[in-house]
Structures are given as C-alpha cells and as structure tokens.
Amino acid sequence: MRSSVSKGGKFLEFSIQDTGSGIEKEKLDKIFEVYYTTKPDGLGTGLGLVVVKDIVEKQHKGRVLVESEVGMGTTFTVQLPLKTKSEKKKILIDKNEAYVRELYMMFFENKGL
C-alpha cells in the first residue's frame, strides 16, 4: 500500500497493488458493473467494487482508478479530495442589540464558520 498527495495537491491518494494474474483489458471495463464477477459460483457477488466506487465517488467526490497488466498484477488507486481553506462567509443578523450580534459571532467562530 502506498499513500501520497497528488501532484496538484487536490487529492489524497492511496494505492493497493497485487502481483496476481492481472485483469484482461476486455474485462477491465466491466469490473465496476453490478454483479460482474470472474469468481466461480458461490464465491463472489460482484458487489464489492461497485460499493467501493459508489462510496468514493458519490459520497466523497473522489475517484477510483485501476491499472492492470495480465500476468503482472493490478493496482487500484483511490483519490479523495483534500479540504481546502474555505473563504469567509457573511451572515446577516437582523438585530440592533450589540450583545445579540456578539453572541452569534462567538457561536459561529467557535464552529469555525
């Protein structure tokens, strides 16, 4: 397993590599399809990579990349976006009382907003 920050600094990457039989190019496009498996009946559901890709891409706005060479092995790389400094946001508080404004300011500052 290897981890790093991408060249542009936008993603945390971690890769998992094996030295197995690899995946044929024709099958590489199918590995993220629901119920696709190369395992014998009863040994695989074809859901593992689908679930991983869904979690990484839909829930975390990341990417799952795969490289494979038959006879040499496969490398899966997961890229997760790094949180960047957010710009300050403005909140309009419609109260004239200074203590109310200060109370709201303290609340939002404590929350990091």
Protein backbone atom coordinates (compact mmCIF):
# COMPACT_ATOMS: atom_id res chain seq x y z
CA MET A 1 0.00 0.00 0.00
CA ARG A 2 1.23 3.47 -0.91
CA SER A 3 -0.22 6.85 0.02
CA SER A 4 0.61 10.36 -1.15
CA VAL A 5 -0.81 13.74 -2.07
CA SER A 6 -1.50 14.20 -5.79
CA LYS A 7 0.83 16.40 -7.86
CA GLY A 8 -1.69 19.25 -7.91
CA GLY A 9 -2.28 18.92 -4.17
CA LYS A 10 -6.01 18.42 -4.64
CA PHE A 11 -6.27 14.73 -3.69
CA LEU A 12 -5.04 12.33 -1.07
CA GLU A 13 -4.20 9.15 -2.94
CA PHE A 14 -3.68 5.65 -1.71
CA SER A 15 -2.90 2.68 -3.89
CA ILE A 16 -3.20 -1.02 -3.29
CA GLN A 17 -1.20 -3.28 -5.59
CA ASP A 18 -1.02 -7.01 -6.03
CA THR A 19 1.19 -9.28 -8.10
CA GLY A 20 -1.63 -11.59 -9.14
CA SER A 21 -2.78 -12.65 -12.58
CA GLY A 22 -4.00 -9.18 -13.58
CA ILE A 23 -7.20 -8.26 -15.39
CA GLU A 24 -7.66 -8.58 -19.14
CA LYS A 25 -8.39 -5.30 -20.95
CA GLU A 26 -11.78 -6.61 -22.15
CA LYS A 27 -12.82 -7.30 -18.56
CA LEU A 28 -11.35 -4.10 -17.11
CA ASP A 29 -14.32 -2.01 -18.30
CA LYS A 30 -16.76 -4.38 -16.58
CA ILE A 31 -15.28 -4.69 -13.10
CA PHE A 32 -17.40 -1.84 -11.70
CA GLU A 33 -20.66 -3.25 -13.08
CA VAL A 34 -23.19 -4.64 -10.60
CA TYR A 35 -22.98 -8.43 -10.21
CA TYR A 36 -19.98 -8.80 -12.52
CA THR A 37 -17.55 -11.35 -11.14
CA THR A 38 -14.91 -13.68 -12.50
CA LYS A 39 -15.10 -15.95 -9.47
CA PRO A 40 -16.82 -19.34 -9.54
CA ASP A 41 -20.48 -19.51 -8.49
CA GLY A 42 -20.92 -19.06 -4.77
CA LEU A 43 -17.57 -17.30 -4.21
CA GLY A 44 -18.36 -13.76 -5.26
CA THR A 45 -21.36 -11.47 -5.57
CA GLY A 46 -19.92 -8.86 -7.91
CA LEU A 47 -20.82 -6.06 -5.49
CA GLY A 48 -17.54 -5.21 -3.75
CA LEU A 49 -16.02 -2.85 -6.30
CA VAL A 50 -19.42 -1.35 -7.08
CA VAL A 51 -19.88 -0.41 -3.43
CA VAL A 52 -16.33 0.97 -3.14
CA LYS A 53 -16.74 3.11 -6.25
CA ASP A 54 -20.13 4.38 -5.07
CA ILE A 55 -18.80 5.40 -1.66
CA VAL A 56 -15.67 7.06 -3.01
CA GLU A 57 -17.22 8.87 -5.97
CA LYS A 58 -20.76 9.73 -4.89
CA GLN A 59 -20.35 10.24 -1.18
CA HIS A 60 -16.82 11.69 -1.07
CA LYS A 61 -16.46 13.23 -4.56
CA GLY A 62 -13.33 11.17 -5.17
CA ARG A 63 -12.18 8.76 -7.86
CA VAL A 64 -11.27 5.09 -8.14
CA LEU A 65 -8.63 4.29 -10.75
CA VAL A 66 -7.39 0.90 -11.85
CA GLU A 67 -4.35 -0.21 -13.80
CA SER A 68 -3.72 -3.83 -14.65
CA GLU A 69 -1.40 -5.94 -16.74
CA VAL A 70 -2.12 -9.60 -17.35
CA GLY A 71 0.48 -11.75 -15.63
CA MET A 72 1.86 -8.81 -13.64
CA GLY A 73 -0.93 -7.70 -11.28
CA THR A 74 -3.35 -4.89 -10.61
CA THR A 75 -3.19 -1.53 -8.87
CA PHE A 76 -6.25 0.25 -7.50
CA THR A 77 -5.83 3.91 -6.59
CA VAL A 78 -8.38 5.81 -4.53
CA GLN A 79 -8.26 9.60 -4.73
CA LEU A 80 -10.10 11.63 -2.10
CA PRO A 81 -10.32 15.40 -2.36
CA LEU A 82 -8.40 17.37 0.23
CA LYS A 83 -10.35 20.03 2.03
CA THR A 84 -9.10 23.45 1.11
CA LYS A 85 -9.38 26.59 3.19
CA SER A 86 -12.87 27.89 2.78
CA GLU A 87 -13.49 31.53 2.19
CA LYS A 88 -15.20 33.53 4.89
CA LYS A 89 -18.94 33.61 4.59
CA LYS A 90 -21.16 36.52 5.54
CA ILE A 91 -24.26 36.12 7.64
CA LEU A 92 -26.78 38.92 8.00
CA ILE A 93 -28.14 39.21 11.54
CA ASP A 94 -31.17 41.48 11.75
CA LYS A 95 -30.78 42.63 15.33
CA ASN A 96 -29.70 46.03 16.61
CA GLU A 97 -28.62 44.79 20.04
CA ALA A 98 -24.84 44.50 20.19
CA TYR A 99 -24.92 41.59 22.66
CA VAL A 100 -27.05 39.51 20.24
CA ARG A 101 -24.60 40.17 17.37
CA GLU A 102 -21.66 39.28 19.61
CA LEU A 103 -23.38 36.09 20.77
CA TYR A 104 -23.95 34.99 17.17
CA MET A 105 -20.37 35.90 16.23
CA MET A 106 -18.95 33.84 19.11
CA PHE A 107 -21.17 30.89 18.18
CA PHE A 108 -20.12 30.86 14.53
CA GLU A 109 -16.44 31.48 15.28
CA ASN A 110 -16.41 28.53 17.70
CA LYS A 111 -17.86 26.37 14.92
CA GLY A 112 -15.11 27.53 12.57
CA LEU A 113 -17.56 29.32 10.29
